[in-house]
Amino acid sequence: MHLIYQVKYLIKKELLLEWRSKYALNGVLLYVVSTIFVCFLSLISVNPITWNALFWIIMLFASINAVSKSFLQESKGRQLYIYTIASPLALIISKTIYNVLLMMLLTVIALCFYMLVFDYVPEDLGLYIVATLLGSISFSTIFTMVSAISSKAGNGGMLMAILSFPVIIPVLIILIKLTKNAIDGLDRSVSLDEIGLLLVVNVLVMAVSLLLFPYLWRD
């Protein structure tokens, strides 16, 4: 019960800070909208496979910009203050939940704008939306964990790129295959394996975060 209270408090803190500055949301929205518009001006029309690949490239870099700052932008003073009032488990859970909510919001906005600009809708829009939401959860959990590790080392940005690459590439491959099924309008039972794999990856990454972060936080 005490853990739940701490998580709620820390999520409220993150939302309040974001509401005051709106730095992450506005910055990433500007990046997403401008990138989609540049792609449209350059290509005008694209085939569905290219359309799908472009979307995941845009969302990958958007998630890096939005989520990587979770720990890297925290000052030493703020980290020390949080250390005194909350447990490491509450901190990593609250950061992950906040980043998941942020990325799901950004993903839905980006997908709507992307379909509007290119005037294209996947055959199975419902499955495509489910895939993008699962992708946003995967990006959030992976980059939150890697950001926590990188924040404890020098040159965190470079370390984050090195650590996240082996994990994010398999996730992208699964996501591209899953969304390709949605674009082709295949039966949803065909995509159950990919959905199961994404859920397993999310659970494993979250479990590793919960196991490792308390040791990192003590340093």
Protein backbone atom coordinates (compact mmCIF):
# COMPACT_ATOMS: atom_id res chain seq x y z
CA MET A 1 0.00 0.00 0.00
CA HIS A 2 2.88 2.34 0.84
CA LEU A 3 4.42 1.58 -2.58
CA ILE A 4 1.17 2.42 -4.37
CA TYR A 5 0.96 5.75 -2.52
CA GLN A 6 4.53 6.63 -3.54
CA VAL A 7 3.87 5.70 -7.17
CA LYS A 8 0.74 7.88 -7.28
CA TYR A 9 2.65 10.78 -5.71
CA LEU A 10 5.55 10.52 -8.18
CA ILE A 11 3.23 10.23 -11.21
CA LYS A 12 1.40 13.33 -10.00
CA LYS A 13 4.76 15.08 -9.68
CA GLU A 14 5.71 14.15 -13.26
CA LEU A 15 2.35 15.33 -14.62
CA LEU A 16 2.61 18.60 -12.69
CA LEU A 17 6.11 19.31 -13.96
CA GLU A 18 5.06 18.50 -17.52
CA TRP A 19 1.96 20.71 -17.22
CA ARG A 20 4.08 23.63 -16.03
CA SER A 21 6.77 23.37 -18.69
CA LYS A 22 5.09 21.31 -21.48
CA TYR A 23 8.63 20.80 -22.74
CA ALA A 24 8.49 17.11 -23.65
CA LEU A 25 4.98 17.14 -25.11
CA ASN A 26 5.35 20.30 -27.19
CA GLY A 27 8.86 19.44 -28.35
CA VAL A 28 8.00 15.93 -29.48
CA LEU A 29 4.73 17.04 -31.09
CA LEU A 30 6.63 19.67 -33.08
CA TYR A 31 9.14 17.03 -34.16
CA VAL A 32 6.44 14.53 -35.19
CA VAL A 33 4.26 17.03 -37.07
CA SER A 34 7.19 18.66 -38.89
CA THR A 35 8.74 15.31 -39.83
CA ILE A 36 5.45 13.96 -41.20
CA PHE A 37 4.92 17.14 -43.19
CA VAL A 38 8.46 17.03 -44.61
CA CYS A 39 7.94 13.38 -45.63
CA PHE A 40 4.69 14.34 -47.34
CA LEU A 41 6.29 17.24 -49.24
CA SER A 42 9.14 14.99 -50.34
CA LEU A 43 7.13 11.92 -51.33
CA ILE A 44 3.52 13.16 -51.87
CA SER A 45 2.29 9.57 -52.16
CA VAL A 46 3.87 6.32 -50.98
CA ASN A 47 3.03 2.64 -51.16
CA PRO A 48 1.71 0.99 -47.96
CA ILE A 49 5.00 -0.72 -47.08
CA THR A 50 6.95 2.56 -47.27
CA TRP A 51 4.14 4.32 -45.40
CA ASN A 52 4.45 1.79 -42.58
CA ALA A 53 8.26 1.98 -42.44
CA LEU A 54 8.23 5.79 -42.31
CA PHE A 55 5.74 5.79 -39.46
CA TRP A 56 7.92 3.56 -37.28
CA ILE A 57 11.05 5.55 -38.07
CA ILE A 58 9.27 8.72 -36.96
CA MET A 59 7.88 7.11 -33.80
CA LEU A 60 11.23 5.57 -32.87
CA PHE A 61 13.00 8.91 -32.80
CA ALA A 62 10.01 10.61 -31.20
CA SER A 63 10.08 8.07 -28.36
CA ILE A 64 13.82 8.59 -27.88
CA ASN A 65 13.29 12.34 -27.57
CA ALA A 66 10.32 11.95 -25.21
CA VAL A 67 11.44 9.11 -22.95
CA SER A 68 15.23 9.40 -22.79
CA LYS A 69 15.00 12.55 -20.68
CA SER A 70 13.30 10.64 -17.86
CA PHE A 71 16.48 10.32 -15.84
CA LEU A 72 19.05 12.15 -17.94
CA GLN A 73 17.44 15.55 -17.31
CA GLU A 74 17.07 15.04 -13.55
CA SER A 75 19.40 17.26 -11.54
CA LYS A 76 21.51 15.83 -8.74
CA GLY A 77 19.55 17.84 -6.19
CA ARG A 78 16.20 16.48 -7.40
CA GLN A 79 17.55 12.93 -7.43
CA LEU A 80 18.74 13.32 -3.84
CA TYR A 81 15.34 14.68 -2.79
CA ILE A 82 13.47 11.78 -4.42
CA TYR A 83 15.94 9.36 -2.83
CA THR A 84 14.87 10.58 0.60
CA ILE A 85 11.10 10.36 0.06
CA ALA A 86 10.50 7.34 -2.20
CA SER A 87 11.73 3.82 -2.79
CA PRO A 88 13.59 2.94 -6.03
CA LEU A 89 10.77 0.58 -7.05
CA ALA A 90 8.22 3.37 -6.75
CA LEU A 91 10.43 5.66 -8.83
CA ILE A 92 11.02 3.25 -11.73
CA ILE A 93 7.35 2.18 -11.79
CA SER A 94 6.12 5.79 -11.78
CA LYS A 95 8.58 6.84 -14.50
CA THR A 96 7.55 3.89 -16.68
CA ILE A 97 3.82 4.51 -16.22
CA TYR A 98 4.22 8.21 -16.98
CA ASN A 99 6.28 7.52 -20.10
CA VAL A 100 3.77 4.90 -21.28
CA LEU A 101 0.91 7.40 -20.92
CA LEU A 102 2.93 10.12 -22.68
CA MET A 103 3.92 7.85 -25.57
CA MET A 104 0.41 6.45 -26.03
CA LEU A 105 -0.95 10.00 -26.31
CA LEU A 106 1.78 11.02 -28.76
CA THR A 107 1.33 7.84 -30.81
CA VAL A 108 -2.42 8.31 -31.22
CA ILE A 109 -1.96 11.98 -32.22
CA ALA A 110 0.86 11.10 -34.62
CA LEU A 111 -1.10 8.25 -36.25
CA CYS A 112 -4.20 10.41 -36.77
CA PHE A 113 -2.14 13.22 -38.31
CA TYR A 114 -0.11 10.76 -40.39
CA MET A 115 -3.23 9.15 -41.89
CA LEU A 116 -4.77 12.57 -42.51
CA VAL A 117 -1.72 13.97 -44.31
CA PHE A 118 -1.09 10.92 -46.52
CA ASP A 119 -4.81 10.17 -46.90
CA TYR A 120 -4.30 6.48 -46.25
CA VAL A 121 -6.00 4.13 -43.77
CA PRO A 122 -4.79 0.54 -43.13
CA GLU A 123 -7.16 -2.27 -44.04
CA ASP A 124 -7.51 -3.34 -40.40
CA LEU A 125 -7.34 -0.01 -38.56
CA GLY A 126 -8.26 -1.57 -35.21
CA LEU A 127 -5.32 -3.98 -35.29
CA TYR A 128 -3.00 -1.21 -36.46
CA ILE A 129 -4.00 0.96 -33.49
CA VAL A 130 -3.45 -1.96 -31.10
CA ALA A 131 -0.01 -2.52 -32.64
CA THR A 132 0.96 1.14 -32.29
CA LEU A 133 -0.17 1.21 -28.65
CA LEU A 134 1.83 -1.95 -27.93
CA GLY A 135 4.77 -0.35 -29.69
CA SER A 136 4.51 2.80 -27.57
CA ILE A 137 4.47 0.64 -24.42
CA SER A 138 7.54 -1.28 -25.63
CA PHE A 139 9.45 1.90 -26.48
CA SER A 140 8.55 3.43 -23.11
CA THR A 141 9.64 0.45 -21.01
CA ILE A 142 12.88 -0.09 -22.94
CA PHE A 143 14.00 3.55 -23.08
CA THR A 144 13.02 4.19 -19.46
CA MET A 145 15.21 1.30 -18.31
CA VAL A 146 18.11 2.34 -20.55
CA SER A 147 17.77 5.98 -19.49
CA ALA A 148 18.01 4.92 -15.83
CA ILE A 149 21.21 2.98 -16.53
CA SER A 150 22.73 5.75 -18.66
CA SER A 151 22.03 8.43 -16.05
CA LYS A 152 24.48 6.73 -13.68
CA ALA A 153 27.33 6.83 -16.19
CA GLY A 154 29.21 9.54 -17.99
CA ASN A 155 28.27 10.40 -21.57
CA GLY A 156 24.76 9.07 -21.01
CA GLY A 157 23.50 9.85 -24.52
CA MET A 158 26.12 7.65 -26.19
CA LEU A 159 25.63 4.85 -23.67
CA MET A 160 21.88 4.96 -24.18
CA ALA A 161 22.26 4.44 -27.94
CA ILE A 162 24.60 1.49 -27.43
CA LEU A 163 22.44 -0.22 -24.79
CA SER A 164 19.08 0.28 -26.48
CA PHE A 165 20.12 -0.89 -29.98
CA PRO A 166 20.18 -4.68 -29.29
CA VAL A 167 16.80 -4.54 -27.56
CA ILE A 168 14.89 -2.14 -29.79
CA ILE A 169 15.76 -3.77 -33.14
CA PRO A 170 13.91 -7.08 -32.45
CA VAL A 171 10.93 -5.08 -31.15
CA LEU A 172 10.87 -3.01 -34.35
CA ILE A 173 10.98 -6.15 -36.49
CA ILE A 174 7.97 -7.59 -34.63
CA LEU A 175 6.08 -4.29 -34.83
CA ILE A 176 6.69 -3.90 -38.56
CA LYS A 177 5.48 -7.47 -39.20
CA LEU A 178 2.40 -6.93 -37.01
CA THR A 179 1.43 -3.64 -38.65
CA LYS A 180 2.08 -5.17 -42.09
CA ASN A 181 -0.56 -7.78 -41.26
CA ALA A 182 -2.96 -4.96 -40.37
CA ILE A 183 -2.20 -3.13 -43.62
CA ASP A 184 -2.81 -6.29 -45.66
CA GLY A 185 -6.06 -6.94 -43.77
CA LEU A 186 -5.09 -10.47 -42.75
CA ASP A 187 -7.12 -12.42 -40.22
CA ARG A 188 -6.29 -11.27 -36.69
CA SER A 189 -5.47 -14.79 -35.55
CA VAL A 190 -2.37 -14.61 -37.78
CA SER A 191 -1.01 -11.78 -35.61
CA LEU A 192 -1.46 -13.44 -32.22
CA ASP A 193 2.15 -14.66 -32.13
CA GLU A 194 3.51 -11.14 -32.68
CA ILE A 195 1.19 -9.67 -30.04
CA GLY A 196 2.26 -12.38 -27.58
CA LEU A 197 5.95 -11.71 -28.28
CA LEU A 198 5.51 -7.98 -27.66
CA LEU A 199 3.75 -8.65 -24.37
CA VAL A 200 6.53 -11.03 -23.32
CA VAL A 201 9.21 -8.47 -24.20
CA ASN A 202 7.41 -5.78 -22.19
CA VAL A 203 7.08 -8.06 -19.16
CA LEU A 204 10.74 -9.12 -19.34
CA VAL A 205 12.04 -5.56 -19.69
CA MET A 206 9.87 -4.39 -16.79
CA ALA A 207 11.02 -7.32 -14.64
CA VAL A 208 14.68 -6.54 -15.37
CA SER A 209 14.06 -2.88 -14.53
CA LEU A 210 12.50 -3.77 -11.17
CA LEU A 211 15.38 -6.11 -10.34
CA LEU A 212 18.29 -3.89 -11.39
CA PHE A 213 17.14 -0.35 -10.64
CA PRO A 214 17.30 -0.58 -6.81
CA TYR A 215 21.03 -1.42 -7.10
CA LEU A 216 21.63 1.43 -9.55
CA TRP A 217 19.73 3.89 -7.39
CA ARG A 218 21.95 3.24 -4.36
CA ASP A 219 25.10 4.34 -6.21
